């Protein structure tokens, strides 16, 4: 049975990240579907001088903000066994730091990680997630990350596979 909950894909990239010179140019994208058969909604923005890992965290925070604002207070409590809203990221580092499997040693990343954990905890503790049980962060391979493909195609001019369930030109684009 296919989930009727929204699904999110997040990505952040930084041009110039591999160089020691500043400033870097970072962008984030959040791609989400409100329902399985709906088109992807795209939210992206330039976030300035950030590393790749910082950009990944900012994208995750943006997704959590969208979830909180769109689904946070709607509906009735669904009780036990409710499915979580899934957020997919291709950053194994970020996913494992948020889950607590990896230590966060960088000061900036530690603060961003705490912001993510705090928001996730707030959403659960205050009963903001009435229709769903929680938010679940999952790692996926790069080639399965629609947000990463979209960002790569639009920003770096790379070629990506077309997502099969979309009509050409059906992806709404909204700069946030």
N, C-alpha and C. Protein backbone atom coordinates (compact mmCIF):
# COMPACT_ATOMS: atom_id res chain seq x y z
N UNK A 1 0.83 -1.19 0.00
CA UNK A 1 0.00 0.00 0.00
C UNK A 1 0.88 1.25 0.00
N UNK A 2 0.61 2.16 -0.90
CA UNK A 2 1.40 3.37 -1.04
C UNK A 2 0.97 4.40 0.01
N UNK A 3 1.93 5.08 0.60
CA UNK A 3 1.65 6.08 1.62
C UNK A 3 0.95 7.29 1.02
N UNK A 4 0.01 7.85 1.77
CA UNK A 4 -0.67 9.06 1.31
C UNK A 4 -0.03 10.31 1.91
N UNK A 5 1.03 10.12 2.66
CA UNK A 5 1.72 11.24 3.29
C UNK A 5 2.69 11.90 2.32
N UNK A 6 3.02 13.15 2.58
CA UNK A 6 4.02 13.82 1.73
C UNK A 6 5.38 13.15 1.84
N UNK A 7 6.17 13.28 0.79
CA UNK A 7 7.54 12.77 0.79
C UNK A 7 8.45 13.91 0.34
N UNK A 8 9.58 14.04 1.01
CA UNK A 8 10.51 15.14 0.78
C UNK A 8 11.88 14.62 0.35
N UNK A 9 12.54 15.40 -0.52
CA UNK A 9 13.92 15.17 -0.93
C UNK A 9 14.66 16.49 -0.71
N UNK A 10 15.81 16.43 -0.07
CA UNK A 10 16.57 17.65 0.20
C UNK A 10 17.99 17.53 -0.33
N UNK A 11 18.55 18.69 -0.70
CA UNK A 11 19.95 18.71 -1.12
C UNK A 11 20.51 20.11 -0.96
N UNK A 12 21.78 20.17 -0.70
CA UNK A 12 22.51 21.43 -0.65
C UNK A 12 23.83 21.25 -1.35
N UNK A 13 24.25 22.27 -2.07
CA UNK A 13 25.53 22.22 -2.78
C UNK A 13 26.24 23.55 -2.63
N UNK A 14 27.55 23.48 -2.68
CA UNK A 14 28.36 24.69 -2.57
C UNK A 14 29.38 24.71 -3.69
N UNK A 15 29.30 25.73 -4.54
CA UNK A 15 30.30 25.92 -5.59
C UNK A 15 31.51 26.60 -4.94
N UNK A 16 32.67 26.04 -5.18
CA UNK A 16 33.87 26.58 -4.55
C UNK A 16 34.17 25.91 -3.23
N UNK A 17 33.39 24.91 -2.85
CA UNK A 17 33.59 24.22 -1.58
C UNK A 17 34.95 23.54 -1.53
N UNK A 18 35.41 23.04 -2.68
CA UNK A 18 36.67 22.32 -2.72
C UNK A 18 37.89 23.24 -2.67
N UNK A 19 37.62 24.53 -2.83
CA UNK A 19 38.71 25.51 -2.79
C UNK A 19 38.80 26.12 -1.41
N UNK A 20 39.95 26.61 -1.08
CA UNK A 20 40.13 27.27 0.22
C UNK A 20 39.81 28.76 0.14
N UNK A 21 39.50 29.23 -1.07
CA UNK A 21 39.21 30.66 -1.22
C UNK A 21 37.74 30.92 -0.91
N UNK A 22 37.47 32.11 -0.48
CA UNK A 22 36.10 32.52 -0.19
C UNK A 22 35.73 33.63 -1.13
N UNK A 23 34.53 33.92 -1.41
CA UNK A 23 33.37 33.25 -0.84
C UNK A 23 32.94 32.05 -1.67
N UNK A 24 32.32 31.11 -1.00
CA UNK A 24 31.69 29.99 -1.70
C UNK A 24 30.27 30.43 -2.07
N UNK A 25 29.67 29.75 -3.04
CA UNK A 25 28.28 30.05 -3.42
C UNK A 25 27.46 28.79 -3.20
N UNK A 26 26.59 28.84 -2.21
CA UNK A 26 25.80 27.66 -1.87
C UNK A 26 24.33 27.88 -2.22
N UNK A 27 23.68 26.77 -2.57
CA UNK A 27 22.25 26.75 -2.87
C UNK A 27 21.65 25.52 -2.22
N UNK A 28 20.36 25.63 -1.91
CA UNK A 28 19.63 24.48 -1.38
C UNK A 28 18.38 24.27 -2.21
N UNK A 29 17.88 23.05 -2.17
CA UNK A 29 16.60 22.74 -2.81
C UNK A 29 15.85 21.72 -1.95
N UNK A 30 14.55 21.92 -1.87
CA UNK A 30 13.64 20.96 -1.24
C UNK A 30 12.61 20.61 -2.30
N UNK A 31 12.50 19.34 -2.63
CA UNK A 31 11.50 18.86 -3.57
C UNK A 31 10.55 17.97 -2.79
N UNK A 32 9.25 18.21 -2.94
CA UNK A 32 8.31 17.36 -2.22
C UNK A 32 7.02 17.15 -3.00
N UNK A 33 6.41 16.02 -2.69
CA UNK A 33 5.11 15.66 -3.25
C UNK A 33 4.14 15.60 -2.07
N UNK A 34 3.03 16.28 -2.21
CA UNK A 34 2.04 16.24 -1.14
C UNK A 34 1.29 14.92 -1.11
N UNK A 35 1.10 14.31 -2.29
CA UNK A 35 0.43 13.02 -2.42
C UNK A 35 1.19 12.22 -3.47
N UNK A 36 1.06 10.89 -3.45
CA UNK A 36 1.83 10.06 -4.39
C UNK A 36 1.67 10.45 -5.86
N UNK A 37 0.48 10.85 -6.28
CA UNK A 37 0.26 11.16 -7.69
C UNK A 37 0.39 12.63 -8.03
N UNK A 38 0.77 13.45 -7.07
CA UNK A 38 0.89 14.88 -7.35
C UNK A 38 2.28 15.21 -7.92
N UNK A 39 2.38 16.37 -8.54
CA UNK A 39 3.66 16.82 -9.09
C UNK A 39 4.57 17.27 -7.96
N UNK A 40 5.86 17.25 -8.23
CA UNK A 40 6.81 17.76 -7.26
C UNK A 40 6.65 19.27 -7.11
N UNK A 41 6.72 19.74 -5.90
CA UNK A 41 6.82 21.16 -5.59
C UNK A 41 8.31 21.40 -5.32
N UNK A 42 8.86 22.46 -5.85
CA UNK A 42 10.28 22.76 -5.70
C UNK A 42 10.44 24.07 -4.96
N UNK A 43 11.23 24.05 -3.91
CA UNK A 43 11.60 25.28 -3.20
C UNK A 43 13.12 25.33 -3.19
N UNK A 44 13.67 26.41 -3.70
CA UNK A 44 15.12 26.53 -3.71
C UNK A 44 15.52 27.95 -3.38
N UNK A 45 16.75 28.10 -2.94
CA UNK A 45 17.27 29.43 -2.67
C UNK A 45 18.79 29.41 -2.59
N UNK A 46 19.35 30.55 -2.86
CA UNK A 46 20.79 30.75 -2.67
C UNK A 46 21.00 31.11 -1.21
N UNK A 47 22.00 30.51 -0.59
CA UNK A 47 22.23 30.77 0.84
C UNK A 47 23.61 31.36 1.13
N UNK A 48 24.31 31.77 0.10
CA UNK A 48 25.56 32.49 0.31
C UNK A 48 26.76 31.61 0.60
N UNK A 49 27.63 32.11 1.43
CA UNK A 49 28.92 31.48 1.72
C UNK A 49 28.75 30.37 2.77
N UNK A 50 28.53 29.16 2.28
CA UNK A 50 28.37 27.98 3.14
C UNK A 50 29.11 26.81 2.53
N UNK A 51 29.49 25.86 3.37
CA UNK A 51 30.09 24.61 2.88
C UNK A 51 28.98 23.69 2.37
N UNK A 52 29.37 22.62 1.70
CA UNK A 52 28.39 21.62 1.27
C UNK A 52 27.58 21.08 2.45
N UNK A 53 28.28 20.71 3.52
CA UNK A 53 27.58 20.12 4.67
C UNK A 53 26.65 21.13 5.34
N UNK A 54 27.08 22.37 5.44
CA UNK A 54 26.18 23.40 5.99
C UNK A 54 24.95 23.55 5.11
N UNK A 55 25.14 23.54 3.80
CA UNK A 55 24.02 23.66 2.87
C UNK A 55 23.06 22.47 3.02
N UNK A 56 23.58 21.28 3.22
CA UNK A 56 22.72 20.11 3.44
C UNK A 56 21.84 20.30 4.68
N UNK A 57 22.41 20.81 5.75
CA UNK A 57 21.64 21.06 6.97
C UNK A 57 20.59 22.15 6.75
N UNK A 58 20.95 23.21 6.05
CA UNK A 58 20.00 24.30 5.78
C UNK A 58 18.82 23.77 4.95
N UNK A 59 19.08 22.90 3.99
CA UNK A 59 18.01 22.29 3.20
C UNK A 59 17.09 21.45 4.08
N UNK A 60 17.66 20.70 5.00
CA UNK A 60 16.88 19.88 5.91
C UNK A 60 16.02 20.76 6.82
N UNK A 61 16.59 21.84 7.31
CA UNK A 61 15.81 22.78 8.14
C UNK A 61 14.68 23.41 7.34
N UNK A 62 14.92 23.73 6.08
CA UNK A 62 13.88 24.28 5.21
C UNK A 62 12.73 23.28 5.06
N UNK A 63 13.06 22.00 4.83
CA UNK A 63 12.03 20.96 4.70
C UNK A 63 11.21 20.85 5.99
N UNK A 64 11.88 20.85 7.12
CA UNK A 64 11.16 20.77 8.40
C UNK A 64 10.24 21.97 8.59
N UNK A 65 10.69 23.14 8.17
CA UNK A 65 9.86 24.33 8.26
C UNK A 65 8.61 24.23 7.38
N UNK A 66 8.77 23.67 6.19
CA UNK A 66 7.63 23.47 5.29
C UNK A 66 6.64 22.48 5.92
N UNK A 67 7.15 21.40 6.46
CA UNK A 67 6.29 20.40 7.10
C UNK A 67 5.53 21.03 8.26
N UNK A 68 6.24 21.77 9.08
CA UNK A 68 5.60 22.40 10.24
C UNK A 68 4.51 23.38 9.81
N UNK A 69 4.78 24.18 8.79
CA UNK A 69 3.80 25.18 8.38
C UNK A 69 2.62 24.58 7.61
N UNK A 70 2.85 23.55 6.81
CA UNK A 70 1.77 22.98 5.99
C UNK A 70 0.96 21.89 6.68
N UNK A 71 1.61 21.08 7.50
CA UNK A 71 0.92 19.93 8.09
C UNK A 71 0.97 19.93 9.61
N UNK A 72 1.60 20.89 10.19
CA UNK A 72 1.83 20.89 11.63
C UNK A 72 0.60 20.88 12.50
N UNK A 73 -0.43 21.63 12.14
CA UNK A 73 -1.58 21.74 13.02
C UNK A 73 -2.86 21.19 12.39
N UNK A 74 -2.77 20.52 11.27
CA UNK A 74 -3.98 20.06 10.58
C UNK A 74 -4.42 18.69 11.04
N UNK A 75 -5.70 18.48 11.04
CA UNK A 75 -6.27 17.15 11.22
C UNK A 75 -6.38 16.67 12.63
N UNK A 76 -6.88 15.48 12.77
CA UNK A 76 -7.06 14.82 14.05
C UNK A 76 -5.91 13.86 14.31
N UNK A 77 -5.69 13.57 15.56
CA UNK A 77 -4.65 12.61 15.92
C UNK A 77 -4.98 11.25 15.31
N UNK A 78 -3.99 10.61 14.75
CA UNK A 78 -4.26 9.34 14.08
C UNK A 78 -3.96 8.13 14.94
N UNK A 79 -3.38 8.35 16.09
CA UNK A 79 -3.14 7.23 16.99
C UNK A 79 -1.89 6.44 16.66
N UNK A 80 -1.81 5.24 17.26
CA UNK A 80 -0.65 4.37 17.10
C UNK A 80 -0.47 3.91 15.66
N UNK A 81 0.75 3.68 15.29
CA UNK A 81 1.03 3.10 14.00
C UNK A 81 1.00 4.07 12.84
N UNK A 82 0.84 5.35 13.14
CA UNK A 82 0.81 6.33 12.05
C UNK A 82 2.17 6.37 11.38
N UNK A 83 2.16 6.52 10.07
CA UNK A 83 3.41 6.58 9.31
C UNK A 83 4.09 7.92 9.49
N UNK A 84 5.41 7.93 9.45
CA UNK A 84 6.11 9.22 9.50
C UNK A 84 6.19 9.85 8.11
N UNK A 85 6.31 11.17 8.08
CA UNK A 85 6.66 11.85 6.84
C UNK A 85 8.13 11.56 6.61
N UNK A 86 8.50 11.17 5.41
CA UNK A 86 9.89 10.82 5.13
C UNK A 86 10.60 11.98 4.43
N UNK A 87 11.79 12.26 4.92
CA UNK A 87 12.69 13.22 4.28
C UNK A 87 13.90 12.43 3.82
N UNK A 88 14.17 12.49 2.51
CA UNK A 88 15.29 11.75 1.94
C UNK A 88 16.46 12.70 1.67
N UNK A 89 17.65 12.26 2.04
CA UNK A 89 18.87 13.03 1.79
C UNK A 89 19.94 12.08 1.29
N UNK A 90 20.79 12.57 0.39
CA UNK A 90 21.90 11.74 -0.08
C UNK A 90 23.18 12.01 0.71
N UNK A 91 23.07 12.80 1.78
CA UNK A 91 24.23 13.06 2.62
C UNK A 91 24.25 12.08 3.79
N UNK A 92 25.07 11.05 3.66
CA UNK A 92 25.18 10.06 4.73
C UNK A 92 25.68 10.71 6.02
N UNK A 93 26.58 11.68 5.89
CA UNK A 93 27.10 12.37 7.06
C UNK A 93 25.98 13.05 7.84
N UNK A 94 25.16 13.84 7.18
CA UNK A 94 24.10 14.59 7.84
C UNK A 94 23.07 13.64 8.46
N UNK A 95 22.64 12.64 7.69
CA UNK A 95 21.65 11.69 8.21
C UNK A 95 22.18 11.01 9.47
N UNK A 96 23.42 10.54 9.44
CA UNK A 96 23.98 9.84 10.59
C UNK A 96 24.29 10.77 11.76
N UNK A 97 24.63 12.02 11.50
CA UNK A 97 24.83 12.97 12.60
C UNK A 97 23.50 13.26 13.28
N UNK A 98 22.44 13.47 12.52
CA UNK A 98 21.13 13.75 13.11
C UNK A 98 20.63 12.54 13.91
N UNK A 99 20.87 11.34 13.40
CA UNK A 99 20.43 10.12 14.09
C UNK A 99 21.32 9.80 15.31
N UNK A 100 22.47 10.45 15.42
CA UNK A 100 23.36 10.21 16.54
C UNK A 100 24.37 9.11 16.30
N UNK A 101 24.44 8.57 15.11
CA UNK A 101 25.40 7.51 14.79
C UNK A 101 26.80 8.06 14.58
N UNK A 102 26.90 9.29 14.11
CA UNK A 102 28.18 9.95 13.89
C UNK A 102 28.30 11.13 14.84
N UNK A 103 29.50 11.35 15.32
CA UNK A 103 29.77 12.51 16.16
C UNK A 103 29.86 13.76 15.28
N UNK A 104 29.38 14.88 15.81
CA UNK A 104 29.47 16.16 15.10
C UNK A 104 30.61 16.95 15.75
N UNK A 105 31.72 17.09 15.01
CA UNK A 105 32.88 17.76 15.59
C UNK A 105 32.99 19.22 15.19
N UNK A 106 32.47 19.59 14.04
CA UNK A 106 32.54 20.97 13.57
C UNK A 106 31.53 21.83 14.34
N UNK A 107 31.96 22.99 14.80
CA UNK A 107 31.12 23.87 15.62
C UNK A 107 29.87 24.32 14.86
N UNK A 108 30.02 24.76 13.62
CA UNK A 108 28.87 25.22 12.84
C UNK A 108 27.90 24.07 12.57
N UNK A 109 28.43 22.90 12.22
CA UNK A 109 27.57 21.75 11.96
C UNK A 109 26.87 21.29 13.23
N UNK A 110 27.57 21.37 14.36
CA UNK A 110 26.96 20.97 15.63
C UNK A 110 25.73 21.84 15.92
N UNK A 111 25.84 23.15 15.69
CA UNK A 111 24.71 24.05 15.92
C UNK A 111 23.56 23.74 14.97
N UNK A 112 23.87 23.53 13.69
CA UNK A 112 22.83 23.19 12.72
C UNK A 112 22.16 21.86 13.07
N UNK A 113 22.94 20.88 13.49
CA UNK A 113 22.40 19.58 13.87
C UNK A 113 21.47 19.73 15.08
N UNK A 114 21.88 20.51 16.05
CA UNK A 114 21.03 20.75 17.23
C UNK A 114 19.74 21.47 16.83
N UNK A 115 19.82 22.39 15.87
CA UNK A 115 18.61 23.07 15.38
C UNK A 115 17.65 22.06 14.75
N UNK A 116 18.18 21.14 13.95
CA UNK A 116 17.36 20.11 13.31
C UNK A 116 16.71 19.23 14.38
N UNK A 117 17.51 18.73 15.30
CA UNK A 117 16.98 17.85 16.35
C UNK A 117 15.94 18.58 17.19
N UNK A 118 16.21 19.84 17.50
CA UNK A 118 15.28 20.62 18.30
C UNK A 118 13.94 20.82 17.61
N UNK A 119 13.98 21.10 16.33
CA UNK A 119 12.75 21.30 15.57
C UNK A 119 11.96 19.99 15.46
N UNK A 120 12.66 18.89 15.22
CA UNK A 120 11.99 17.59 15.14
C UNK A 120 11.35 17.24 16.49
N UNK A 121 12.06 17.50 17.56
CA UNK A 121 11.54 17.22 18.90
C UNK A 121 10.34 18.11 19.21
N UNK A 122 10.43 19.38 18.87
CA UNK A 122 9.33 20.33 19.09
C UNK A 122 8.08 19.90 18.33
N UNK A 123 8.26 19.47 17.09
CA UNK A 123 7.13 19.06 16.27
C UNK A 123 6.42 17.86 16.88
N UNK A 124 7.15 16.95 17.47
CA UNK A 124 6.55 15.77 18.10
C UNK A 124 5.97 16.10 19.47
N UNK A 125 6.74 16.80 20.31
CA UNK A 125 6.35 17.08 21.69
C UNK A 125 5.12 17.97 21.81
N UNK A 126 5.00 18.96 20.95
CA UNK A 126 3.88 19.89 21.05
C UNK A 126 2.64 19.41 20.33
N UNK A 127 2.68 18.18 19.83
CA UNK A 127 1.51 17.64 19.16
C UNK A 127 1.25 18.30 17.81
N UNK A 128 2.30 18.88 17.22
CA UNK A 128 2.12 19.53 15.93
C UNK A 128 1.93 18.53 14.81
N UNK A 129 2.34 17.31 15.04
CA UNK A 129 2.23 16.29 14.00
C UNK A 129 0.99 15.44 14.25
N UNK A 130 -0.19 16.03 14.20
CA UNK A 130 -1.40 15.31 14.55
C UNK A 130 -1.79 14.25 13.54
N UNK A 131 -1.53 14.47 12.27
CA UNK A 131 -1.90 13.49 11.26
C UNK A 131 -0.85 12.40 11.08
N UNK A 132 0.36 12.65 11.50
CA UNK A 132 1.41 11.67 11.33
C UNK A 132 2.14 11.47 12.65
N UNK A 133 2.85 10.36 12.74
CA UNK A 133 3.50 10.06 14.00
C UNK A 133 4.79 10.84 14.18
N UNK A 134 5.49 11.14 13.11
CA UNK A 134 6.79 11.80 13.24
C UNK A 134 7.34 12.14 11.86
N UNK A 135 8.56 12.64 11.89
CA UNK A 135 9.31 12.87 10.66
C UNK A 135 10.49 11.91 10.71
N UNK A 136 10.73 11.22 9.62
CA UNK A 136 11.82 10.26 9.56
C UNK A 136 12.81 10.68 8.48
N UNK A 137 14.06 10.81 8.87
CA UNK A 137 15.13 11.17 7.95
C UNK A 137 15.79 9.89 7.45
N UNK A 138 15.88 9.75 6.12
CA UNK A 138 16.45 8.54 5.53
C UNK A 138 17.51 8.90 4.50
N UNK A 139 18.59 8.11 4.48
CA UNK A 139 19.62 8.26 3.46
C UNK A 139 19.18 7.53 2.20
N UNK A 140 19.43 8.15 1.04
CA UNK A 140 19.21 7.52 -0.26
C UNK A 140 20.43 7.78 -1.13
N UNK A 141 20.68 6.95 -2.13
CA UNK A 141 21.79 7.21 -3.05
C UNK A 141 21.53 8.49 -3.85
N UNK A 142 22.59 9.13 -4.27
CA UNK A 142 22.52 10.38 -5.02
C UNK A 142 21.58 10.28 -6.23
N UNK A 143 21.68 9.19 -6.97
CA UNK A 143 20.87 9.06 -8.19
C UNK A 143 19.37 8.92 -7.91
N UNK A 144 18.99 8.68 -6.65
CA UNK A 144 17.57 8.60 -6.29
C UNK A 144 17.05 9.90 -5.66
N UNK A 145 17.92 10.88 -5.51
CA UNK A 145 17.53 12.13 -4.87
C UNK A 145 17.04 13.13 -5.91
N UNK A 146 15.72 13.27 -6.03
CA UNK A 146 15.15 14.18 -7.01
C UNK A 146 15.63 15.61 -6.79
N UNK A 147 15.75 16.04 -5.54
CA UNK A 147 16.21 17.40 -5.25
C UNK A 147 17.63 17.61 -5.76
N UNK A 148 18.49 16.63 -5.54
CA UNK A 148 19.87 16.74 -6.00
C UNK A 148 19.96 16.76 -7.52
N UNK A 149 19.13 15.95 -8.17
CA UNK A 149 19.11 15.94 -9.63
C UNK A 149 18.63 17.29 -10.17
N UNK A 150 17.60 17.82 -9.56
CA UNK A 150 17.06 19.12 -10.00
C UNK A 150 18.12 20.21 -9.85
N UNK A 151 18.78 20.23 -8.70
CA UNK A 151 19.80 21.25 -8.45
C UNK A 151 20.98 21.10 -9.40
N UNK A 152 21.41 19.89 -9.62
CA UNK A 152 22.52 19.62 -10.54
C UNK A 152 22.18 20.09 -11.95
N UNK A 153 20.98 19.79 -12.39
CA UNK A 153 20.55 20.16 -13.74
C UNK A 153 20.43 21.67 -13.89
N UNK A 154 19.80 22.33 -12.95
CA UNK A 154 19.55 23.77 -13.06
C UNK A 154 20.78 24.62 -12.78
N UNK A 155 21.63 24.16 -11.86
CA UNK A 155 22.73 25.00 -11.43
C UNK A 155 24.02 24.73 -12.19
N UNK A 156 24.34 23.48 -12.35
CA UNK A 156 25.62 23.13 -12.96
C UNK A 156 25.47 22.74 -14.42
N UNK A 157 24.25 22.68 -14.92
CA UNK A 157 24.03 22.33 -16.32
C UNK A 157 24.24 20.87 -16.64
N UNK A 158 24.21 20.01 -15.62
CA UNK A 158 24.39 18.59 -15.84
C UNK A 158 23.15 17.96 -16.44
N UNK A 159 23.28 16.75 -16.91
CA UNK A 159 22.15 16.02 -17.48
C UNK A 159 21.63 15.04 -16.43
N UNK A 160 20.32 15.01 -16.25
CA UNK A 160 19.72 14.09 -15.30
C UNK A 160 18.59 13.33 -15.98
N UNK A 161 18.23 12.20 -15.39
CA UNK A 161 17.10 11.42 -15.90
C UNK A 161 15.81 12.12 -15.54
N UNK A 162 14.85 12.07 -16.41
CA UNK A 162 13.53 12.64 -16.14
C UNK A 162 12.81 11.69 -15.20
N UNK A 163 12.20 12.22 -14.16
CA UNK A 163 11.42 11.41 -13.24
C UNK A 163 10.20 10.91 -14.00
N UNK A 164 9.97 9.62 -14.01
CA UNK A 164 8.99 8.98 -14.89
C UNK A 164 7.55 9.42 -14.67
N UNK A 165 7.16 9.76 -13.44
CA UNK A 165 5.76 10.06 -13.22
C UNK A 165 5.42 11.53 -13.44
N UNK A 166 6.30 12.29 -14.01
CA UNK A 166 6.04 13.70 -14.28
C UNK A 166 5.84 13.93 -15.77
N UNK A 167 4.90 14.78 -16.10
CA UNK A 167 4.72 15.23 -17.47
C UNK A 167 5.78 16.28 -17.77
N UNK A 168 6.26 16.38 -18.99
CA UNK A 168 7.24 17.43 -19.31
C UNK A 168 6.70 18.81 -18.94
N UNK A 169 7.51 19.55 -18.20
CA UNK A 169 7.13 20.90 -17.81
C UNK A 169 6.14 20.96 -16.66
N UNK A 170 5.82 19.82 -16.03
CA UNK A 170 4.82 19.79 -14.98
C UNK A 170 5.38 20.13 -13.60
N UNK A 171 6.69 20.29 -13.49
CA UNK A 171 7.28 20.56 -12.20
C UNK A 171 7.19 22.06 -11.91
N UNK A 172 6.34 22.44 -10.94
CA UNK A 172 6.24 23.86 -10.61
C UNK A 172 7.52 24.32 -9.93
N UNK A 173 8.00 25.47 -10.27
CA UNK A 173 9.22 26.00 -9.71
C UNK A 173 8.89 27.29 -8.96
N UNK A 174 9.28 27.31 -7.69
CA UNK A 174 9.03 28.49 -6.88
C UNK A 174 10.31 28.86 -6.17
N UNK A 175 10.84 30.03 -6.43
CA UNK A 175 12.02 30.49 -5.71
C UNK A 175 11.56 31.02 -4.37
N UNK A 176 12.18 30.54 -3.31
CA UNK A 176 11.78 30.94 -1.96
C UNK A 176 12.66 32.08 -1.49
